Amino acid sequence: MKKTFNIIKNKYFISSFVLLLILFVFEETSVFRLIKMNLHQYELIEENSNKKQEIKKVKEKTIQLTTNRDELEKFARETYFMKKKNEVVYLFVNEDN
């Protein structure tokens, strides 16, 4: 017991403990903050990869719309409800309660 008390009273132990406490808790770049930032980084990397996939799909759709007239007509009819002359378009609305 006395040996343990002497170790705790040791000035090197006390200074090391204070230094570790400052590094782990009180510093702006503490271990806890670094872990949190690392997790946020992984979330951003995942979001970035999802955005890249979306951009790729939009580019493919743009190429289809600019090169294929049938695709352009289909897109215009579905999105903007466009019609040809002497044509009737019926819209069916699904109302879920």
N, C-alpha and C. Protein backbone atom coordinates (compact mmCIF):
# COMPACT_ATOMS: atom_id res chain seq x y z
N MET A 1 0.82 -1.18 0.00
CA MET A 1 0.00 0.00 0.00
C MET A 1 0.87 1.26 0.00
N LYS A 2 1.91 1.22 0.80
CA LYS A 2 2.80 2.37 0.89
C LYS A 2 3.55 2.57 -0.42
N LYS A 3 3.88 1.47 -1.09
CA LYS A 3 4.58 1.55 -2.36
C LYS A 3 3.68 2.20 -3.42
N THR A 4 2.41 1.85 -3.44
CA THR A 4 1.44 2.43 -4.37
C THR A 4 1.29 3.92 -4.11
N PHE A 5 1.25 4.30 -2.86
CA PHE A 5 1.13 5.71 -2.49
C PHE A 5 2.37 6.49 -2.94
N ASN A 6 3.53 5.88 -2.83
CA ASN A 6 4.77 6.53 -3.26
C ASN A 6 4.79 6.73 -4.78
N ILE A 7 4.26 5.77 -5.50
CA ILE A 7 4.20 5.90 -6.97
C ILE A 7 3.28 7.05 -7.35
N ILE A 8 2.14 7.15 -6.67
CA ILE A 8 1.19 8.22 -6.96
C ILE A 8 1.78 9.58 -6.58
N LYS A 9 2.57 9.63 -5.55
CA LYS A 9 3.20 10.89 -5.12
C LYS A 9 4.36 11.29 -6.03
N ASN A 10 4.84 10.39 -6.82
CA ASN A 10 5.97 10.65 -7.69
C ASN A 10 5.64 11.79 -8.66
N LYS A 11 6.57 12.74 -8.80
CA LYS A 11 6.30 13.92 -9.63
C LYS A 11 6.22 13.56 -11.12
N TYR A 12 6.92 12.52 -11.54
CA TYR A 12 6.86 12.11 -12.94
C TYR A 12 5.50 11.48 -13.26
N PHE A 13 4.99 10.72 -12.33
CA PHE A 13 3.66 10.13 -12.51
C PHE A 13 2.61 11.22 -12.59
N ILE A 14 2.68 12.16 -11.70
CA ILE A 14 1.69 13.24 -11.68
C ILE A 14 1.77 14.06 -12.96
N SER A 15 2.96 14.41 -13.39
CA SER A 15 3.09 15.21 -14.61
C SER A 15 2.64 14.43 -15.84
N SER A 16 2.94 13.13 -15.89
CA SER A 16 2.49 12.29 -17.00
C SER A 16 0.97 12.19 -17.02
N PHE A 17 0.39 12.03 -15.86
CA PHE A 17 -1.07 11.93 -15.77
C PHE A 17 -1.73 13.22 -16.22
N VAL A 18 -1.21 14.34 -15.80
CA VAL A 18 -1.76 15.64 -16.20
C VAL A 18 -1.62 15.84 -17.71
N LEU A 19 -0.48 15.47 -18.26
CA LEU A 19 -0.27 15.59 -19.69
C LEU A 19 -1.26 14.72 -20.47
N LEU A 20 -1.43 13.49 -20.05
CA LEU A 20 -2.39 12.60 -20.71
C LEU A 20 -3.82 13.12 -20.60
N LEU A 21 -4.14 13.65 -19.45
CA LEU A 21 -5.48 14.22 -19.25
C LEU A 21 -5.70 15.39 -20.21
N ILE A 22 -4.73 16.23 -20.35
CA ILE A 22 -4.84 17.37 -21.27
C ILE A 22 -4.96 16.87 -22.71
N LEU A 23 -4.14 15.90 -23.08
CA LEU A 23 -4.17 15.39 -24.46
C LEU A 23 -5.48 14.69 -24.79
N PHE A 24 -6.01 13.93 -23.88
CA PHE A 24 -7.20 13.14 -24.17
C PHE A 24 -8.50 13.90 -24.00
N VAL A 25 -8.53 14.91 -23.18
CA VAL A 25 -9.81 15.54 -22.86
C VAL A 25 -9.87 17.01 -23.26
N PHE A 26 -8.90 17.78 -22.90
CA PHE A 26 -9.03 19.23 -22.99
C PHE A 26 -8.51 19.84 -24.28
N GLU A 27 -7.66 19.19 -25.00
CA GLU A 27 -7.11 19.75 -26.23
C GLU A 27 -8.17 19.84 -27.31
N GLU A 28 -7.96 20.76 -28.23
CA GLU A 28 -8.89 20.90 -29.36
C GLU A 28 -8.83 19.65 -30.25
N THR A 29 -7.68 19.06 -30.36
CA THR A 29 -7.54 17.83 -31.14
C THR A 29 -7.46 16.63 -30.20
N SER A 30 -8.39 16.52 -29.32
CA SER A 30 -8.40 15.40 -28.38
C SER A 30 -8.73 14.11 -29.10
N VAL A 31 -8.49 13.02 -28.45
CA VAL A 31 -8.73 11.70 -29.04
C VAL A 31 -10.21 11.53 -29.37
N PHE A 32 -11.07 11.99 -28.50
CA PHE A 32 -12.50 11.85 -28.74
C PHE A 32 -12.92 12.64 -29.98
N ARG A 33 -12.39 13.82 -30.10
CA ARG A 33 -12.72 14.66 -31.26
C ARG A 33 -12.17 14.04 -32.55
N LEU A 34 -10.98 13.47 -32.48
CA LEU A 34 -10.39 12.83 -33.65
C LEU A 34 -11.21 11.63 -34.10
N ILE A 35 -11.72 10.86 -33.17
CA ILE A 35 -12.57 9.72 -33.51
C ILE A 35 -13.85 10.20 -34.17
N LYS A 36 -14.43 11.24 -33.62
CA LYS A 36 -15.66 11.80 -34.19
C LYS A 36 -15.41 12.33 -35.60
N MET A 37 -14.29 13.01 -35.79
CA MET A 37 -13.97 13.54 -37.12
C MET A 37 -13.70 12.41 -38.11
N ASN A 38 -13.10 11.34 -37.66
CA ASN A 38 -12.84 10.19 -38.52
C ASN A 38 -14.14 9.54 -38.98
N LEU A 39 -15.09 9.40 -38.07
CA LEU A 39 -16.39 8.84 -38.45
C LEU A 39 -17.10 9.75 -39.45
N HIS A 40 -17.02 11.05 -39.23
CA HIS A 40 -17.64 12.00 -40.16
C HIS A 40 -16.97 11.91 -41.54
N GLN A 41 -15.68 11.69 -41.56
CA GLN A 41 -14.95 11.54 -42.82
C GLN A 41 -15.48 10.34 -43.61
N TYR A 42 -15.71 9.22 -42.94
CA TYR A 42 -16.23 8.05 -43.62
C TYR A 42 -17.62 8.32 -44.19
N GLU A 43 -18.45 9.05 -43.45
CA GLU A 43 -19.77 9.41 -43.96
C GLU A 43 -19.66 10.27 -45.21
N LEU A 44 -18.73 11.22 -45.20
CA LEU A 44 -18.55 12.09 -46.36
C LEU A 44 -18.02 11.32 -47.57
N ILE A 45 -17.15 10.37 -47.34
CA ILE A 45 -16.63 9.55 -48.44
C ILE A 45 -17.76 8.74 -49.06
N GLU A 46 -18.61 8.17 -48.23
CA GLU A 46 -19.74 7.39 -48.73
C GLU A 46 -20.72 8.28 -49.51
N GLU A 47 -21.00 9.46 -48.98
CA GLU A 47 -21.88 10.40 -49.67
C GLU A 47 -21.28 10.83 -51.01
N ASN A 48 -19.97 11.03 -51.03
CA ASN A 48 -19.29 11.41 -52.26
C ASN A 48 -19.42 10.33 -53.32
N SER A 49 -19.26 9.08 -52.93
CA SER A 49 -19.38 7.99 -53.90
C SER A 49 -20.82 7.89 -54.43
N ASN A 50 -21.81 8.14 -53.56
CA ASN A 50 -23.21 8.13 -54.01
C ASN A 50 -23.45 9.25 -55.01
N LYS A 51 -22.91 10.42 -54.75
CA LYS A 51 -23.08 11.55 -55.67
C LYS A 51 -22.41 11.26 -57.01
N LYS A 52 -21.27 10.61 -57.00
CA LYS A 52 -20.60 10.26 -58.26
C LYS A 52 -21.45 9.31 -59.08
N GLN A 53 -22.11 8.35 -58.43
CA GLN A 53 -22.99 7.44 -59.14
C GLN A 53 -24.18 8.18 -59.73
N GLU A 54 -24.75 9.12 -58.98
CA GLU A 54 -25.86 9.92 -59.49
C GLU A 54 -25.43 10.75 -60.70
N ILE A 55 -24.26 11.33 -60.64
CA ILE A 55 -23.74 12.13 -61.76
C ILE A 55 -23.56 11.26 -62.99
N LYS A 56 -23.07 10.05 -62.79
CA LYS A 56 -22.88 9.13 -63.92
C LYS A 56 -24.22 8.80 -64.56
N LYS A 57 -25.25 8.55 -63.74
CA LYS A 57 -26.58 8.24 -64.29
C LYS A 57 -27.15 9.43 -65.05
N VAL A 58 -26.97 10.63 -64.53
CA VAL A 58 -27.48 11.83 -65.20
C VAL A 58 -26.76 12.05 -66.53
N LYS A 59 -25.46 11.82 -66.57
CA LYS A 59 -24.72 11.96 -67.83
C LYS A 59 -25.21 10.96 -68.87
N GLU A 60 -25.46 9.72 -68.43
CA GLU A 60 -25.97 8.71 -69.37
C GLU A 60 -27.34 9.11 -69.89
N LYS A 61 -28.20 9.61 -69.02
CA LYS A 61 -29.53 10.04 -69.43
C LYS A 61 -29.44 11.22 -70.39
N THR A 62 -28.52 12.14 -70.14
CA THR A 62 -28.34 13.30 -71.02
C THR A 62 -27.88 12.85 -72.41
N ILE A 63 -26.96 11.90 -72.44
CA ILE A 63 -26.50 11.38 -73.74
C ILE A 63 -27.65 10.72 -74.48
N GLN A 64 -28.47 9.94 -73.77
CA GLN A 64 -29.62 9.31 -74.41
C GLN A 64 -30.59 10.34 -74.96
N LEU A 65 -30.85 11.38 -74.19
CA LEU A 65 -31.82 12.38 -74.62
C LEU A 65 -31.31 13.21 -75.79
N THR A 66 -30.02 13.42 -75.86
CA THR A 66 -29.48 14.24 -76.96
C THR A 66 -29.25 13.45 -78.23
N THR A 67 -29.11 12.14 -78.13
CA THR A 67 -28.82 11.35 -79.33
C THR A 67 -30.03 10.58 -79.85
N ASN A 68 -30.95 10.21 -79.00
CA ASN A 68 -32.07 9.37 -79.41
C ASN A 68 -33.36 10.19 -79.36
N ARG A 69 -33.95 10.41 -80.52
CA ARG A 69 -35.17 11.23 -80.61
C ARG A 69 -36.35 10.53 -79.91
N ASP A 70 -36.43 9.22 -80.01
CA ASP A 70 -37.53 8.48 -79.37
C ASP A 70 -37.46 8.62 -77.85
N GLU A 71 -36.26 8.56 -77.29
CA GLU A 71 -36.10 8.74 -75.84
C GLU A 71 -36.50 10.14 -75.42
N LEU A 72 -36.14 11.14 -76.23
CA LEU A 72 -36.49 12.52 -75.93
C LEU A 72 -38.00 12.70 -75.92
N GLU A 73 -38.67 12.11 -76.92
CA GLU A 73 -40.13 12.20 -76.98
C GLU A 73 -40.76 11.50 -75.79
N LYS A 74 -40.26 10.33 -75.43
CA LYS A 74 -40.79 9.59 -74.28
C LYS A 74 -40.61 10.40 -72.99
N PHE A 75 -39.43 11.00 -72.82
CA PHE A 75 -39.15 11.81 -71.64
C PHE A 75 -40.10 13.01 -71.57
N ALA A 76 -40.29 13.70 -72.69
CA ALA A 76 -41.17 14.87 -72.71
C ALA A 76 -42.61 14.49 -72.41
N ARG A 77 -43.07 13.38 -72.95
CA ARG A 77 -44.44 12.94 -72.70
C ARG A 77 -44.65 12.55 -71.24
N GLU A 78 -43.70 11.85 -70.67
CA GLU A 78 -43.85 11.39 -69.28
C GLU A 78 -43.67 12.51 -68.27
N THR A 79 -42.72 13.37 -68.52
CA THR A 79 -42.38 14.40 -67.53
C THR A 79 -43.27 15.63 -67.64
N TYR A 80 -43.47 16.11 -68.87
CA TYR A 80 -44.18 17.38 -69.07
C TYR A 80 -45.57 17.19 -69.66
N PHE A 81 -46.01 15.95 -69.77
CA PHE A 81 -47.34 15.61 -70.28
C PHE A 81 -47.60 16.26 -71.64
N MET A 82 -46.62 16.23 -72.51
CA MET A 82 -46.78 16.78 -73.85
C MET A 82 -47.54 15.79 -74.71
N LYS A 83 -48.20 16.34 -75.75
CA LYS A 83 -48.99 15.48 -76.64
C LYS A 83 -48.84 15.96 -78.06
N LYS A 84 -49.21 15.07 -78.97
CA LYS A 84 -49.20 15.43 -80.38
C LYS A 84 -50.53 16.07 -80.74
N LYS A 85 -50.59 16.67 -81.93
CA LYS A 85 -51.84 17.26 -82.40
C LYS A 85 -52.88 16.17 -82.55
N ASN A 86 -54.13 16.53 -82.27
CA ASN A 86 -55.26 15.59 -82.39
C ASN A 86 -55.07 14.36 -81.51
N GLU A 87 -54.48 14.52 -80.36
CA GLU A 87 -54.27 13.41 -79.44
C GLU A 87 -54.83 13.80 -78.08
N VAL A 88 -55.46 12.86 -77.42
CA VAL A 88 -56.02 13.11 -76.09
C VAL A 88 -55.18 12.35 -75.08
N VAL A 89 -54.84 13.04 -74.00
CA VAL A 89 -54.04 12.43 -72.94
C VAL A 89 -54.89 12.34 -71.69
N TYR A 90 -54.97 11.15 -71.12
CA TYR A 90 -55.70 10.94 -69.88
C TYR A 90 -54.69 10.75 -68.75
N LEU A 91 -54.92 11.48 -67.67
CA LEU A 91 -54.06 11.35 -66.50
C LEU A 91 -54.81 10.60 -65.40
N PHE A 92 -54.20 9.59 -64.89
CA PHE A 92 -54.78 8.83 -63.80
C PHE A 92 -53.99 9.16 -62.54
N VAL A 93 -54.69 9.65 -61.51
CA VAL A 93 -54.06 10.05 -60.27
C VAL A 93 -54.37 9.01 -59.22
N ASN A 94 -53.37 8.53 -58.56
CA ASN A 94 -53.53 7.57 -57.49
C ASN A 94 -53.62 8.32 -56.17
N GLU A 95 -54.74 8.24 -55.50
CA GLU A 95 -54.88 8.91 -54.21
C GLU A 95 -54.92 7.84 -53.12
N ASP A 96 -53.85 7.74 -52.40
CA ASP A 96 -53.76 6.77 -51.30
C ASP A 96 -54.14 7.47 -50.01
N ASN A 97 -55.09 6.90 -49.29
CA ASN A 97 -55.53 7.49 -48.01
C ASN A 97 -54.89 6.78 -46.87
